[in-house]
């Protein structure tokens, strides 16, 4: 589960960097930028859901004492 989380974080950062690259490279339209940012939002929501499922199922545990 931890490896999946790290891969998702890497994909989110990669999508953000590609959106920045498309923003500077494409002067006339921002369709590729919008697609990259939409992908980043989708990956972020999916990561959030995976974290919730991981904590609820016991696959992930918090290191913060409660």
N, C-alpha and C. Protein backbone atom coordinates (compact mmCIF):
# COMPACT_ATOMS: atom_id res chain seq x y z
N UNK A 1 0.83 -1.19 0.00
CA UNK A 1 0.00 0.00 0.00
C UNK A 1 0.87 1.25 0.00
N UNK A 2 1.99 1.22 0.73
CA UNK A 2 2.86 2.38 0.79
C UNK A 2 3.52 2.65 -0.56
N UNK A 3 3.83 1.60 -1.29
CA UNK A 3 4.43 1.77 -2.61
C UNK A 3 3.43 2.42 -3.56
N UNK A 4 2.17 2.03 -3.46
CA UNK A 4 1.13 2.62 -4.31
C UNK A 4 0.99 4.11 -4.01
N UNK A 5 1.06 4.47 -2.73
CA UNK A 5 0.95 5.87 -2.34
C UNK A 5 2.12 6.68 -2.90
N UNK A 6 3.32 6.14 -2.81
CA UNK A 6 4.49 6.83 -3.35
C UNK A 6 4.42 6.97 -4.86
N UNK A 7 3.93 5.94 -5.55
CA UNK A 7 3.77 6.02 -7.00
C UNK A 7 2.72 7.05 -7.39
N UNK A 8 1.65 7.12 -6.61
CA UNK A 8 0.61 8.12 -6.87
C UNK A 8 1.16 9.54 -6.68
N UNK A 9 1.94 9.74 -5.63
CA UNK A 9 2.54 11.06 -5.39
C UNK A 9 3.48 11.43 -6.53
N UNK A 10 4.26 10.47 -7.02
CA UNK A 10 5.16 10.74 -8.14
C UNK A 10 4.37 11.08 -9.40
N UNK A 11 3.25 10.40 -9.63
CA UNK A 11 2.42 10.69 -10.79
C UNK A 11 1.78 12.06 -10.69
N UNK A 12 1.38 12.46 -9.48
CA UNK A 12 0.79 13.78 -9.28
C UNK A 12 1.82 14.87 -9.56
N UNK A 13 3.03 14.69 -9.05
CA UNK A 13 4.08 15.68 -9.29
C UNK A 13 4.46 15.72 -10.77
N UNK A 14 4.52 14.55 -11.41
CA UNK A 14 4.81 14.50 -12.85
C UNK A 14 3.75 15.20 -13.67
N UNK A 15 2.51 15.03 -13.30
CA UNK A 15 1.42 15.70 -14.01
C UNK A 15 1.48 17.21 -13.82
N UNK A 16 1.82 17.63 -12.64
CA UNK A 16 1.95 19.06 -12.37
C UNK A 16 3.10 19.67 -13.17
N UNK A 17 4.22 18.97 -13.23
CA UNK A 17 5.36 19.47 -14.00
C UNK A 17 5.06 19.49 -15.50
N UNK A 18 4.35 18.48 -15.99
CA UNK A 18 4.01 18.48 -17.41
C UNK A 18 3.02 19.60 -17.74
N UNK A 19 2.12 19.91 -16.81
CA UNK A 19 1.20 21.03 -17.03
C UNK A 19 1.96 22.34 -17.09
N UNK A 20 2.96 22.51 -16.24
CA UNK A 20 3.77 23.72 -16.28
C UNK A 20 4.54 23.81 -17.59
N UNK A 21 5.06 22.69 -18.06
CA UNK A 21 5.78 22.67 -19.33
C UNK A 21 4.84 23.03 -20.48
N UNK A 22 3.65 22.46 -20.49
CA UNK A 22 2.68 22.78 -21.55
C UNK A 22 2.25 24.24 -21.48
N UNK A 23 2.16 24.79 -20.27
CA UNK A 23 1.75 26.18 -20.11
C UNK A 23 2.75 27.11 -20.75
N UNK A 24 4.03 26.84 -20.59
CA UNK A 24 5.06 27.70 -21.16
C UNK A 24 5.31 27.43 -22.64
N UNK A 25 5.11 26.19 -23.07
CA UNK A 25 5.40 25.83 -24.45
C UNK A 25 4.26 26.18 -25.40
N UNK A 26 3.02 25.95 -25.01
CA UNK A 26 1.86 26.21 -25.87
C UNK A 26 1.40 27.65 -25.69
N UNK A 27 1.63 28.47 -26.67
CA UNK A 27 1.27 29.88 -26.55
C UNK A 27 -0.17 30.16 -26.99
N UNK A 28 -0.68 29.40 -27.94
CA UNK A 28 -1.99 29.73 -28.52
C UNK A 28 -3.17 29.10 -27.76
N UNK A 29 -2.99 27.96 -27.18
CA UNK A 29 -4.10 27.30 -26.50
C UNK A 29 -3.61 26.53 -25.30
N UNK A 30 -4.50 26.30 -24.35
CA UNK A 30 -4.09 25.60 -23.14
C UNK A 30 -4.80 24.29 -22.94
N UNK A 31 -5.16 23.62 -24.04
CA UNK A 31 -5.91 22.37 -23.91
C UNK A 31 -5.09 21.29 -23.23
N UNK A 32 -3.82 21.17 -23.60
CA UNK A 32 -2.98 20.15 -22.97
C UNK A 32 -2.72 20.48 -21.50
N UNK A 33 -2.61 21.76 -21.19
CA UNK A 33 -2.42 22.18 -19.80
C UNK A 33 -3.64 21.81 -18.96
N UNK A 34 -4.82 22.07 -19.50
CA UNK A 34 -6.05 21.76 -18.78
C UNK A 34 -6.17 20.25 -18.57
N UNK A 35 -5.83 19.47 -19.58
CA UNK A 35 -5.90 18.00 -19.44
C UNK A 35 -4.93 17.50 -18.37
N UNK A 36 -3.71 18.05 -18.35
CA UNK A 36 -2.72 17.63 -17.35
C UNK A 36 -3.17 18.00 -15.94
N UNK A 37 -3.75 19.19 -15.79
CA UNK A 37 -4.22 19.60 -14.47
C UNK A 37 -5.45 18.81 -14.04
N UNK A 38 -6.31 18.45 -15.00
CA UNK A 38 -7.46 17.61 -14.69
C UNK A 38 -7.00 16.22 -14.24
N UNK A 39 -5.98 15.70 -14.89
CA UNK A 39 -5.42 14.41 -14.49
C UNK A 39 -4.85 14.50 -13.08
N UNK A 40 -4.17 15.61 -12.76
CA UNK A 40 -3.61 15.80 -11.43
C UNK A 40 -4.70 15.82 -10.38
N UNK A 41 -5.80 16.49 -10.66
CA UNK A 41 -6.91 16.54 -9.70
C UNK A 41 -7.50 15.15 -9.51
N UNK A 42 -7.68 14.42 -10.59
CA UNK A 42 -8.21 13.06 -10.48
C UNK A 42 -7.30 12.15 -9.68
N UNK A 43 -5.99 12.26 -9.91
CA UNK A 43 -5.03 11.45 -9.15
C UNK A 43 -5.03 11.83 -7.68
N UNK A 44 -5.17 13.12 -7.39
CA UNK A 44 -5.20 13.57 -6.00
C UNK A 44 -6.43 13.05 -5.27
N UNK A 45 -7.57 13.07 -5.93
CA UNK A 45 -8.80 12.55 -5.33
C UNK A 45 -8.67 11.04 -5.11
N UNK A 46 -8.12 10.34 -6.09
CA UNK A 46 -7.92 8.90 -5.95
C UNK A 46 -6.97 8.58 -4.80
N UNK A 47 -5.91 9.35 -4.66
CA UNK A 47 -4.97 9.15 -3.55
C UNK A 47 -5.66 9.38 -2.21
N UNK A 48 -6.48 10.41 -2.12
CA UNK A 48 -7.21 10.70 -0.90
C UNK A 48 -8.13 9.54 -0.54
N UNK A 49 -8.83 9.01 -1.52
CA UNK A 49 -9.73 7.87 -1.28
C UNK A 49 -8.93 6.65 -0.85
N UNK A 50 -7.79 6.41 -1.49
CA UNK A 50 -6.95 5.27 -1.10
C UNK A 50 -6.45 5.41 0.33
N UNK A 51 -6.09 6.62 0.73
CA UNK A 51 -5.65 6.84 2.11
C UNK A 51 -6.77 6.57 3.10
N UNK A 52 -7.96 7.03 2.78
CA UNK A 52 -9.10 6.78 3.67
C UNK A 52 -9.38 5.29 3.78
N UNK A 53 -9.39 4.59 2.65
CA UNK A 53 -9.63 3.14 2.66
C UNK A 53 -8.52 2.42 3.42
N UNK A 54 -7.29 2.85 3.23
CA UNK A 54 -6.16 2.22 3.93
C UNK A 54 -6.24 2.37 5.43
N UNK A 55 -6.61 3.56 5.90
CA UNK A 55 -6.73 3.77 7.34
C UNK A 55 -7.94 3.04 7.91
N UNK A 56 -9.05 3.03 7.19
CA UNK A 56 -10.25 2.37 7.68
C UNK A 56 -10.09 0.85 7.73
N UNK A 57 -9.36 0.29 6.77
CA UNK A 57 -9.20 -1.16 6.72
C UNK A 57 -8.06 -1.66 7.61
N UNK A 58 -7.22 -0.74 8.09
CA UNK A 58 -6.12 -1.15 8.95
C UNK A 58 -4.84 -1.42 8.20
N UNK A 59 -4.83 -1.26 6.88
CA UNK A 59 -3.60 -1.47 6.12
C UNK A 59 -2.57 -0.38 6.40
N UNK A 60 -3.04 0.81 6.72
CA UNK A 60 -2.18 1.91 7.11
C UNK A 60 -2.48 2.28 8.54
N UNK A 61 -1.41 2.64 9.27
CA UNK A 61 -1.59 3.06 10.65
C UNK A 61 -0.86 4.36 10.86
N UNK A 62 -1.44 5.21 11.68
CA UNK A 62 -0.82 6.48 11.99
C UNK A 62 0.31 6.29 12.99
N UNK A 63 1.36 7.06 12.81
CA UNK A 63 2.47 7.01 13.77
C UNK A 63 2.31 8.05 14.87
N UNK A 64 1.28 8.86 14.76
CA UNK A 64 1.01 9.89 15.76
C UNK A 64 0.23 9.25 16.89
N UNK A 65 0.72 9.37 18.12
CA UNK A 65 -0.03 8.76 19.25
C UNK A 65 -1.33 9.50 19.49
N UNK A 66 -2.37 8.73 19.77
CA UNK A 66 -3.69 9.32 20.01
C UNK A 66 -4.08 9.19 21.45
